[in-house]
N, C-alpha and C. Protein backbone atom coordinates (compact mmCIF):
# COMPACT_ATOMS: atom_id res chain seq x y z
N MET A 1 -12.54 55.50 -64.96
CA MET A 1 -13.01 56.52 -64.07
C MET A 1 -14.52 56.66 -64.21
N GLU A 2 -15.18 56.73 -63.08
CA GLU A 2 -16.64 56.87 -63.06
C GLU A 2 -17.01 58.34 -62.87
N ILE A 3 -18.17 58.70 -63.38
CA ILE A 3 -18.74 60.03 -63.12
C ILE A 3 -20.17 59.82 -62.63
N ILE A 4 -20.47 60.41 -61.48
CA ILE A 4 -21.80 60.31 -60.90
C ILE A 4 -22.33 61.73 -60.75
N LYS A 5 -23.61 61.92 -61.07
CA LYS A 5 -24.22 63.24 -60.98
C LYS A 5 -25.40 63.20 -60.01
N PHE A 6 -25.52 64.28 -59.23
CA PHE A 6 -26.57 64.40 -58.23
C PHE A 6 -27.25 65.76 -58.36
N LYS A 7 -28.57 65.78 -58.22
CA LYS A 7 -29.28 67.04 -58.08
C LYS A 7 -29.08 67.48 -56.63
N THR A 8 -28.81 68.80 -56.43
CA THR A 8 -28.55 69.28 -55.08
C THR A 8 -29.30 70.58 -54.81
N ASN A 9 -29.16 71.06 -53.58
CA ASN A 9 -29.66 72.39 -53.23
C ASN A 9 -28.48 73.34 -53.01
N ILE A 10 -27.31 73.00 -53.54
CA ILE A 10 -26.13 73.86 -53.49
C ILE A 10 -26.33 74.93 -54.57
N SER A 11 -26.67 76.15 -54.15
CA SER A 11 -27.12 77.12 -55.14
C SER A 11 -26.20 78.31 -55.37
N ASN A 12 -25.12 78.42 -54.58
CA ASN A 12 -24.22 79.56 -54.77
C ASN A 12 -22.80 79.21 -54.32
N GLN A 13 -21.87 80.12 -54.54
CA GLN A 13 -20.47 79.84 -54.24
C GLN A 13 -20.23 79.63 -52.74
N SER A 14 -20.99 80.28 -51.92
CA SER A 14 -20.86 80.09 -50.48
C SER A 14 -21.20 78.65 -50.09
N ASP A 15 -22.26 78.11 -50.69
CA ASP A 15 -22.63 76.71 -50.44
C ASP A 15 -21.53 75.77 -50.91
N VAL A 16 -20.96 76.06 -52.09
CA VAL A 16 -19.88 75.22 -52.63
C VAL A 16 -18.70 75.23 -51.66
N THR A 17 -18.35 76.40 -51.16
CA THR A 17 -17.25 76.53 -50.21
C THR A 17 -17.51 75.73 -48.93
N ASN A 18 -18.76 75.69 -48.49
CA ASN A 18 -19.11 74.95 -47.27
C ASN A 18 -19.01 73.44 -47.44
N VAL A 19 -19.34 72.91 -48.60
CA VAL A 19 -19.30 71.46 -48.79
C VAL A 19 -17.93 70.95 -49.25
N ALA A 20 -17.10 71.86 -49.75
CA ALA A 20 -15.80 71.46 -50.30
C ALA A 20 -14.95 70.62 -49.34
N PRO A 21 -14.79 71.00 -48.08
CA PRO A 21 -13.95 70.20 -47.19
C PRO A 21 -14.44 68.76 -47.02
N TYR A 22 -15.74 68.57 -47.05
CA TYR A 22 -16.31 67.22 -46.90
C TYR A 22 -16.07 66.37 -48.15
N LEU A 23 -16.29 66.96 -49.31
CA LEU A 23 -16.08 66.22 -50.56
C LEU A 23 -14.61 65.89 -50.76
N GLU A 24 -13.73 66.78 -50.35
CA GLU A 24 -12.30 66.55 -50.55
C GLU A 24 -11.73 65.50 -49.62
N LYS A 25 -12.45 65.15 -48.54
CA LYS A 25 -12.01 64.10 -47.61
C LYS A 25 -12.39 62.70 -48.08
N ILE A 26 -13.29 62.59 -49.03
CA ILE A 26 -13.80 61.29 -49.44
C ILE A 26 -12.80 60.61 -50.37
N GLU A 27 -12.36 59.43 -49.94
CA GLU A 27 -11.43 58.65 -50.77
C GLU A 27 -12.11 58.24 -52.06
N GLY A 28 -11.35 58.24 -53.13
CA GLY A 28 -11.88 57.81 -54.41
C GLY A 28 -12.33 58.95 -55.30
N ILE A 29 -12.64 60.11 -54.70
CA ILE A 29 -13.05 61.25 -55.51
C ILE A 29 -11.79 61.96 -56.00
N SER A 30 -11.67 62.05 -57.32
CA SER A 30 -10.51 62.74 -57.88
C SER A 30 -10.88 64.16 -58.33
N ASN A 31 -12.16 64.37 -58.62
CA ASN A 31 -12.59 65.70 -59.06
C ASN A 31 -14.08 65.84 -58.78
N TRP A 32 -14.50 67.05 -58.49
CA TRP A 32 -15.92 67.32 -58.31
C TRP A 32 -16.19 68.77 -58.69
N GLN A 33 -17.43 69.03 -59.09
CA GLN A 33 -17.84 70.40 -59.40
C GLN A 33 -19.35 70.51 -59.29
N VAL A 34 -19.80 71.72 -59.01
CA VAL A 34 -21.23 71.99 -58.91
C VAL A 34 -21.59 73.02 -59.96
N ASP A 35 -22.61 72.70 -60.76
CA ASP A 35 -23.09 73.63 -61.76
C ASP A 35 -24.26 74.41 -61.16
N THR A 36 -23.96 75.57 -60.58
CA THR A 36 -25.00 76.37 -59.94
C THR A 36 -25.79 77.21 -60.95
N GLU A 37 -25.45 77.10 -62.22
CA GLU A 37 -26.16 77.84 -63.26
C GLU A 37 -27.41 77.11 -63.73
N THR A 38 -27.56 75.85 -63.38
CA THR A 38 -28.74 75.09 -63.78
C THR A 38 -29.75 75.04 -62.64
N GLU A 39 -30.98 74.77 -62.98
CA GLU A 39 -32.04 74.69 -61.97
C GLU A 39 -31.80 73.55 -60.98
N GLU A 40 -31.19 72.46 -61.46
CA GLU A 40 -30.97 71.28 -60.63
C GLU A 40 -29.71 71.38 -59.76
N ASN A 41 -28.86 72.40 -60.00
CA ASN A 41 -27.62 72.57 -59.23
C ASN A 41 -26.85 71.26 -59.16
N VAL A 42 -26.48 70.73 -60.31
CA VAL A 42 -25.91 69.39 -60.42
C VAL A 42 -24.49 69.32 -59.86
N LEU A 43 -24.29 68.37 -58.96
CA LEU A 43 -22.96 68.03 -58.45
C LEU A 43 -22.45 66.85 -59.27
N SER A 44 -21.31 67.05 -59.94
CA SER A 44 -20.68 65.98 -60.71
C SER A 44 -19.44 65.52 -59.95
N VAL A 45 -19.37 64.23 -59.69
CA VAL A 45 -18.25 63.66 -58.95
C VAL A 45 -17.59 62.62 -59.84
N SER A 46 -16.27 62.71 -59.96
CA SER A 46 -15.55 61.68 -60.73
C SER A 46 -14.49 61.06 -59.86
N GLY A 47 -14.23 59.80 -60.12
CA GLY A 47 -13.24 59.08 -59.33
C GLY A 47 -13.27 57.61 -59.63
N LYS A 48 -12.65 56.86 -58.76
CA LYS A 48 -12.51 55.42 -58.94
C LYS A 48 -13.25 54.71 -57.80
N ASP A 49 -13.95 53.64 -58.16
CA ASP A 49 -14.68 52.82 -57.18
C ASP A 49 -15.65 53.63 -56.34
N LEU A 50 -16.39 54.51 -56.98
CA LEU A 50 -17.40 55.31 -56.28
C LEU A 50 -18.62 54.43 -56.04
N ASN A 51 -19.23 54.60 -54.88
CA ASN A 51 -20.38 53.79 -54.52
C ASN A 51 -21.43 54.69 -53.87
N PRO A 52 -22.30 55.31 -54.66
CA PRO A 52 -23.30 56.20 -54.06
C PRO A 52 -24.36 55.40 -53.31
N ARG A 53 -24.81 55.96 -52.24
CA ARG A 53 -25.90 55.31 -51.48
C ARG A 53 -27.22 55.70 -52.10
N PRO A 54 -28.19 54.80 -52.12
CA PRO A 54 -29.49 55.13 -52.71
C PRO A 54 -30.25 56.15 -51.89
């Protein structure tokens, strides 16, 4: 299982709720979470055969 982390501008629970339907549609993602407590608002995505675009 791979884990990929991204810095985001997702800064509150409302933003998380807005992106959730899109992340849940992506094949290969088994789990995701956003740490809105950090300055970088890190999105962590785990799954199989993930291929982030540069």
